[in-house]
């Protein structure tokens, strides 16, 4: 991966690589969390505009909330699910490489 064609990831300092990796994991997480909302909207034939009307907010607010690069509050996710007539089911599982994650967290 390169940044603006000038910096290669392997030339970054270790702490910068860790921050980059964390950011990529956070973005992947937000994509995974928001994907079911997109699926349900499609299943119901809803546009962003229609969902915004149900929520009583602007189309731009819904677009920003659904953007996988944007972090949103759990309350917003809850409200969106409610507006779609859905509920969230949340689970958490320990990684297979949990020992490595534990070392990074305490490192």
N, C-alpha and C. Protein backbone atom coordinates (compact mmCIF):
# COMPACT_ATOMS: atom_id res chain seq x y z
N UNK A 1 0.85 -1.18 0.00
CA UNK A 1 0.00 0.00 0.00
C UNK A 1 0.89 1.23 0.00
N UNK A 2 0.52 2.21 -0.77
CA UNK A 2 1.29 3.44 -0.78
C UNK A 2 0.39 4.61 -0.43
N UNK A 3 0.99 5.68 0.03
CA UNK A 3 0.28 6.89 0.37
C UNK A 3 0.73 7.97 -0.59
N UNK A 4 -0.18 8.45 -1.40
CA UNK A 4 0.09 9.51 -2.37
C UNK A 4 1.30 9.16 -3.24
N UNK A 5 1.56 7.88 -3.40
CA UNK A 5 2.66 7.45 -4.25
C UNK A 5 4.04 7.76 -3.70
N UNK A 6 4.13 8.26 -2.44
CA UNK A 6 5.44 8.66 -1.92
C UNK A 6 5.92 7.82 -0.75
N UNK A 7 5.02 7.30 0.05
CA UNK A 7 5.42 6.58 1.25
C UNK A 7 4.90 5.16 1.20
N UNK A 8 5.77 4.21 1.33
CA UNK A 8 5.35 2.82 1.38
C UNK A 8 5.11 2.43 2.83
N UNK A 9 4.14 1.55 3.05
CA UNK A 9 3.79 1.15 4.40
C UNK A 9 4.98 0.57 5.15
N UNK A 10 5.84 -0.19 4.46
CA UNK A 10 6.96 -0.83 5.14
C UNK A 10 8.05 0.16 5.55
N UNK A 11 7.98 1.41 5.09
CA UNK A 11 8.96 2.41 5.51
C UNK A 11 8.47 3.22 6.70
N UNK A 12 7.23 3.00 7.12
CA UNK A 12 6.69 3.72 8.26
C UNK A 12 7.26 3.18 9.56
N UNK A 13 7.32 4.05 10.55
CA UNK A 13 7.74 3.63 11.88
C UNK A 13 6.72 2.63 12.43
N UNK A 14 7.16 1.78 13.35
CA UNK A 14 6.30 0.75 13.90
C UNK A 14 5.02 1.32 14.47
N UNK A 15 5.09 2.40 15.24
CA UNK A 15 3.87 2.97 15.84
C UNK A 15 2.92 3.48 14.76
N UNK A 16 3.45 4.00 13.67
CA UNK A 16 2.60 4.46 12.57
C UNK A 16 1.91 3.28 11.89
N UNK A 17 2.63 2.17 11.72
CA UNK A 17 2.03 0.96 11.13
C UNK A 17 0.92 0.42 12.02
N UNK A 18 1.14 0.45 13.33
CA UNK A 18 0.12 -0.03 14.27
C UNK A 18 -1.14 0.83 14.18
N UNK A 19 -0.95 2.17 14.13
CA UNK A 19 -2.11 3.06 14.01
C UNK A 19 -2.84 2.82 12.70
N UNK A 20 -2.11 2.62 11.61
CA UNK A 20 -2.71 2.36 10.31
C UNK A 20 -3.51 1.06 10.36
N UNK A 21 -2.93 0.04 10.92
CA UNK A 21 -3.60 -1.25 11.01
C UNK A 21 -4.87 -1.13 11.85
N UNK A 22 -4.79 -0.41 12.96
CA UNK A 22 -5.96 -0.21 13.82
C UNK A 22 -7.05 0.53 13.05
N UNK A 23 -6.68 1.54 12.31
CA UNK A 23 -7.65 2.30 11.52
C UNK A 23 -8.32 1.44 10.47
N UNK A 24 -7.56 0.58 9.83
CA UNK A 24 -8.13 -0.31 8.83
C UNK A 24 -9.09 -1.31 9.47
N UNK A 25 -8.76 -1.80 10.65
CA UNK A 25 -9.66 -2.72 11.36
C UNK A 25 -10.93 -2.00 11.79
N UNK A 26 -10.80 -0.75 12.23
CA UNK A 26 -11.97 0.01 12.64
C UNK A 26 -12.89 0.28 11.45
N UNK A 27 -12.32 0.61 10.31
CA UNK A 27 -13.12 0.83 9.11
C UNK A 27 -13.82 -0.45 8.69
N UNK A 28 -13.11 -1.57 8.73
CA UNK A 28 -13.72 -2.86 8.39
C UNK A 28 -14.86 -3.18 9.36
N UNK A 29 -14.68 -2.85 10.63
CA UNK A 29 -15.72 -3.06 11.62
C UNK A 29 -16.96 -2.23 11.29
N UNK A 30 -16.77 -0.95 10.98
CA UNK A 30 -17.91 -0.09 10.67
C UNK A 30 -18.63 -0.56 9.42
N UNK A 31 -17.87 -1.04 8.43
CA UNK A 31 -18.51 -1.59 7.23
C UNK A 31 -19.38 -2.80 7.59
N UNK A 32 -18.86 -3.68 8.43
CA UNK A 32 -19.60 -4.88 8.82
C UNK A 32 -20.85 -4.53 9.62
N UNK A 33 -20.76 -3.51 10.46
CA UNK A 33 -21.91 -3.10 11.27
C UNK A 33 -22.98 -2.46 10.39
N UNK A 34 -22.58 -1.68 9.43
CA UNK A 34 -23.55 -0.94 8.62
C UNK A 34 -24.12 -1.75 7.47
N UNK A 35 -23.45 -2.81 7.05
CA UNK A 35 -23.90 -3.61 5.92
C UNK A 35 -25.32 -4.15 6.11
N UNK A 36 -25.67 -4.67 7.29
CA UNK A 36 -27.05 -5.15 7.47
C UNK A 36 -28.10 -4.05 7.28
N UNK A 37 -27.76 -2.82 7.58
CA UNK A 37 -28.70 -1.72 7.35
C UNK A 37 -28.95 -1.56 5.85
N UNK A 38 -27.87 -1.61 5.06
CA UNK A 38 -28.02 -1.52 3.61
C UNK A 38 -28.86 -2.68 3.08
N UNK A 39 -28.59 -3.87 3.59
CA UNK A 39 -29.33 -5.05 3.15
C UNK A 39 -30.83 -4.90 3.43
N UNK A 40 -31.15 -4.45 4.63
CA UNK A 40 -32.56 -4.30 5.00
C UNK A 40 -33.23 -3.19 4.20
N UNK A 41 -32.50 -2.11 3.97
CA UNK A 41 -33.06 -1.03 3.14
C UNK A 41 -33.39 -1.58 1.75
N UNK A 42 -32.48 -2.35 1.18
CA UNK A 42 -32.70 -2.92 -0.16
C UNK A 42 -33.89 -3.88 -0.13
N UNK A 43 -33.98 -4.71 0.91
CA UNK A 43 -35.07 -5.67 1.01
C UNK A 43 -36.43 -4.96 1.09
N UNK A 44 -36.46 -3.80 1.72
CA UNK A 44 -37.69 -3.04 1.84
C UNK A 44 -37.90 -2.04 0.70
N UNK A 45 -36.93 -1.97 -0.20
CA UNK A 45 -37.01 -1.02 -1.31
C UNK A 45 -36.92 0.43 -0.86
N UNK A 46 -36.18 0.65 0.22
CA UNK A 46 -36.06 2.00 0.78
C UNK A 46 -34.83 2.72 0.26
N UNK A 47 -35.00 3.98 -0.02
CA UNK A 47 -33.88 4.85 -0.38
C UNK A 47 -33.40 5.56 0.88
N UNK A 48 -32.27 6.21 0.77
CA UNK A 48 -31.75 7.02 1.87
C UNK A 48 -32.76 8.11 2.22
N UNK A 49 -33.39 8.68 1.21
CA UNK A 49 -34.38 9.73 1.43
C UNK A 49 -35.56 9.21 2.25
N UNK A 50 -36.06 8.04 1.90
CA UNK A 50 -37.20 7.47 2.63
C UNK A 50 -36.83 7.12 4.07
N UNK A 51 -35.62 6.58 4.26
CA UNK A 51 -35.19 6.27 5.63
C UNK A 51 -35.04 7.56 6.43
N UNK A 52 -34.53 8.59 5.81
CA UNK A 52 -34.39 9.89 6.48
C UNK A 52 -35.76 10.41 6.91
N UNK A 53 -36.76 10.24 6.05
CA UNK A 53 -38.11 10.68 6.39
C UNK A 53 -38.64 9.92 7.61
N UNK A 54 -38.39 8.62 7.64
CA UNK A 54 -38.83 7.81 8.78
C UNK A 54 -38.15 8.24 10.08
N UNK A 55 -36.89 8.64 9.96
CA UNK A 55 -36.13 9.05 11.14
C UNK A 55 -36.37 10.50 11.52
N UNK A 56 -36.91 11.27 10.61
CA UNK A 56 -37.12 12.69 10.86
C UNK A 56 -35.84 13.49 10.82
N UNK A 57 -34.92 13.07 9.96
CA UNK A 57 -33.64 13.76 9.79
C UNK A 57 -33.42 14.02 8.31
N UNK A 58 -32.34 14.70 7.99
CA UNK A 58 -32.05 15.00 6.59
C UNK A 58 -31.45 13.79 5.89
N UNK A 59 -31.56 13.80 4.58
CA UNK A 59 -30.94 12.77 3.75
C UNK A 59 -29.43 12.75 3.99
N UNK A 60 -28.84 13.95 4.11
CA UNK A 60 -27.39 14.05 4.35
C UNK A 60 -26.98 13.39 5.65
N UNK A 61 -27.81 13.52 6.68
CA UNK A 61 -27.49 12.89 7.98
C UNK A 61 -27.46 11.38 7.85
N UNK A 62 -28.42 10.83 7.12
CA UNK A 62 -28.45 9.38 6.92
C UNK A 62 -27.27 8.94 6.06
N UNK A 63 -26.97 9.69 5.02
CA UNK A 63 -25.83 9.35 4.16
C UNK A 63 -24.53 9.34 4.95
N UNK A 64 -24.35 10.34 5.80
CA UNK A 64 -23.13 10.38 6.63
C UNK A 64 -23.09 9.20 7.59
N UNK A 65 -24.24 8.88 8.17
CA UNK A 65 -24.28 7.76 9.12
C UNK A 65 -23.98 6.43 8.43
N UNK A 66 -24.44 6.28 7.20
CA UNK A 66 -24.21 5.02 6.49
C UNK A 66 -22.84 4.93 5.84
N UNK A 67 -22.14 6.03 5.74
CA UNK A 67 -20.79 6.02 5.15
C UNK A 67 -19.88 5.17 6.02
N UNK A 68 -19.30 4.11 5.46
CA UNK A 68 -18.47 3.21 6.27
C UNK A 68 -17.21 3.85 6.83
N UNK A 69 -16.82 4.99 6.30
CA UNK A 69 -15.64 5.67 6.81
C UNK A 69 -15.95 6.55 8.02
N UNK A 70 -17.24 6.73 8.31
CA UNK A 70 -17.64 7.57 9.44
C UNK A 70 -18.02 6.72 10.64
N UNK A 71 -17.56 7.13 11.79
CA UNK A 71 -17.95 6.48 13.03
C UNK A 71 -19.28 7.06 13.48
N UNK A 72 -20.19 6.23 13.96
CA UNK A 72 -21.46 6.72 14.46
C UNK A 72 -21.74 6.12 15.82
N UNK A 73 -22.62 6.77 16.56
CA UNK A 73 -22.95 6.30 17.90
C UNK A 73 -23.90 5.10 17.83
N UNK A 74 -23.85 4.30 18.88
CA UNK A 74 -24.74 3.15 18.98
C UNK A 74 -26.20 3.58 18.95
N UNK A 75 -26.51 4.74 19.54
CA UNK A 75 -27.88 5.23 19.53
C UNK A 75 -28.38 5.46 18.11
N UNK A 76 -27.50 5.91 17.23
CA UNK A 76 -27.89 6.12 15.83
C UNK A 76 -28.16 4.79 15.15
N UNK A 77 -27.30 3.81 15.39
CA UNK A 77 -27.52 2.47 14.83
C UNK A 77 -28.85 1.90 15.32
N UNK A 78 -29.13 2.08 16.61
CA UNK A 78 -30.38 1.61 17.20
C UNK A 78 -31.57 2.28 16.52
N UNK A 79 -31.52 3.60 16.37
CA UNK A 79 -32.62 4.35 15.76
C UNK A 79 -32.85 3.91 14.32
N UNK A 80 -31.77 3.66 13.59
CA UNK A 80 -31.90 3.23 12.20
C UNK A 80 -32.56 1.85 12.13
N UNK A 81 -32.15 0.95 13.00
CA UNK A 81 -32.75 -0.38 13.03
C UNK A 81 -34.23 -0.29 13.37
N UNK A 82 -34.56 0.54 14.35
CA UNK A 82 -35.97 0.74 14.74
C UNK A 82 -36.78 1.26 13.56
N UNK A 83 -36.24 2.23 12.83
CA UNK A 83 -36.93 2.80 11.69
C UNK A 83 -37.15 1.77 10.58
N UNK A 84 -36.30 0.75 10.55
CA UNK A 84 -36.43 -0.32 9.57
C UNK A 84 -37.28 -1.48 10.09
N UNK A 85 -37.76 -1.35 11.33
CA UNK A 85 -38.56 -2.43 11.93
C UNK A 85 -37.73 -3.62 12.33
N UNK A 86 -36.48 -3.37 12.69
CA UNK A 86 -35.54 -4.44 13.04
C UNK A 86 -34.98 -4.24 14.44
N UNK A 87 -34.28 -5.24 14.91
CA UNK A 87 -33.56 -5.14 16.16
C UNK A 87 -32.15 -5.68 15.96
N UNK A 88 -31.24 -5.22 16.77
CA UNK A 88 -29.85 -5.66 16.67
C UNK A 88 -29.63 -6.91 17.51
N UNK A 89 -28.78 -7.78 17.01
CA UNK A 89 -28.27 -8.91 17.78
C UNK A 89 -26.76 -8.76 17.74
N UNK A 90 -26.16 -8.61 18.89
CA UNK A 90 -24.73 -8.32 18.97
C UNK A 90 -24.01 -9.52 19.58
N UNK A 91 -22.86 -9.83 19.04
CA UNK A 91 -22.03 -10.90 19.62
C UNK A 91 -20.58 -10.46 19.61
N UNK A 92 -19.84 -11.08 20.47
CA UNK A 92 -18.41 -10.81 20.58
C UNK A 92 -17.72 -12.14 20.76
N UNK A 93 -16.64 -12.36 20.04
CA UNK A 93 -15.90 -13.61 20.22
C UNK A 93 -14.43 -13.30 20.28
N UNK A 94 -13.72 -14.09 21.00
CA UNK A 94 -12.29 -13.92 21.16
C UNK A 94 -11.57 -14.37 19.89
N UNK A 95 -10.57 -13.61 19.48
CA UNK A 95 -9.78 -13.98 18.30
C UNK A 95 -9.02 -15.27 18.56
N UNK A 96 -8.68 -15.95 17.49
CA UNK A 96 -7.87 -17.16 17.62
C UNK A 96 -6.47 -16.80 18.10
N UNK A 97 -5.98 -15.64 17.69
CA UNK A 97 -4.66 -15.19 18.10
C UNK A 97 -4.77 -14.23 19.28
N UNK A 98 -5.60 -14.59 20.25
CA UNK A 98 -5.89 -13.70 21.39
C UNK A 98 -4.64 -13.37 22.19
N UNK A 99 -3.69 -14.29 22.28
CA UNK A 99 -2.47 -14.02 23.05
C UNK A 99 -1.71 -12.85 22.44
N UNK A 100 -1.64 -12.79 21.12
CA UNK A 100 -0.97 -11.67 20.45
C UNK A 100 -1.71 -10.38 20.70
N UNK A 101 -3.03 -10.41 20.66
CA UNK A 101 -3.82 -9.22 20.91
C UNK A 101 -3.65 -8.75 22.34
N UNK A 102 -3.57 -9.69 23.29
CA UNK A 102 -3.36 -9.34 24.68
C UNK A 102 -2.02 -8.64 24.87
N UNK A 103 -0.99 -9.13 24.18
CA UNK A 103 0.34 -8.53 24.28
C UNK A 103 0.32 -7.10 23.72
N UNK A 104 -0.36 -6.91 22.58
CA UNK A 104 -0.43 -5.57 21.99
C UNK A 104 -1.18 -4.62 22.92
N UNK A 105 -2.23 -5.10 23.55
CA UNK A 105 -3.03 -4.24 24.41
C UNK A 105 -2.28 -3.82 25.66
N UNK A 106 -1.44 -4.70 26.19
CA UNK A 106 -0.70 -4.38 27.41
C UNK A 106 0.67 -3.85 27.12
N UNK A 107 1.15 -4.08 25.88
CA UNK A 107 2.48 -3.73 25.41
C UNK A 107 2.97 -2.44 25.78
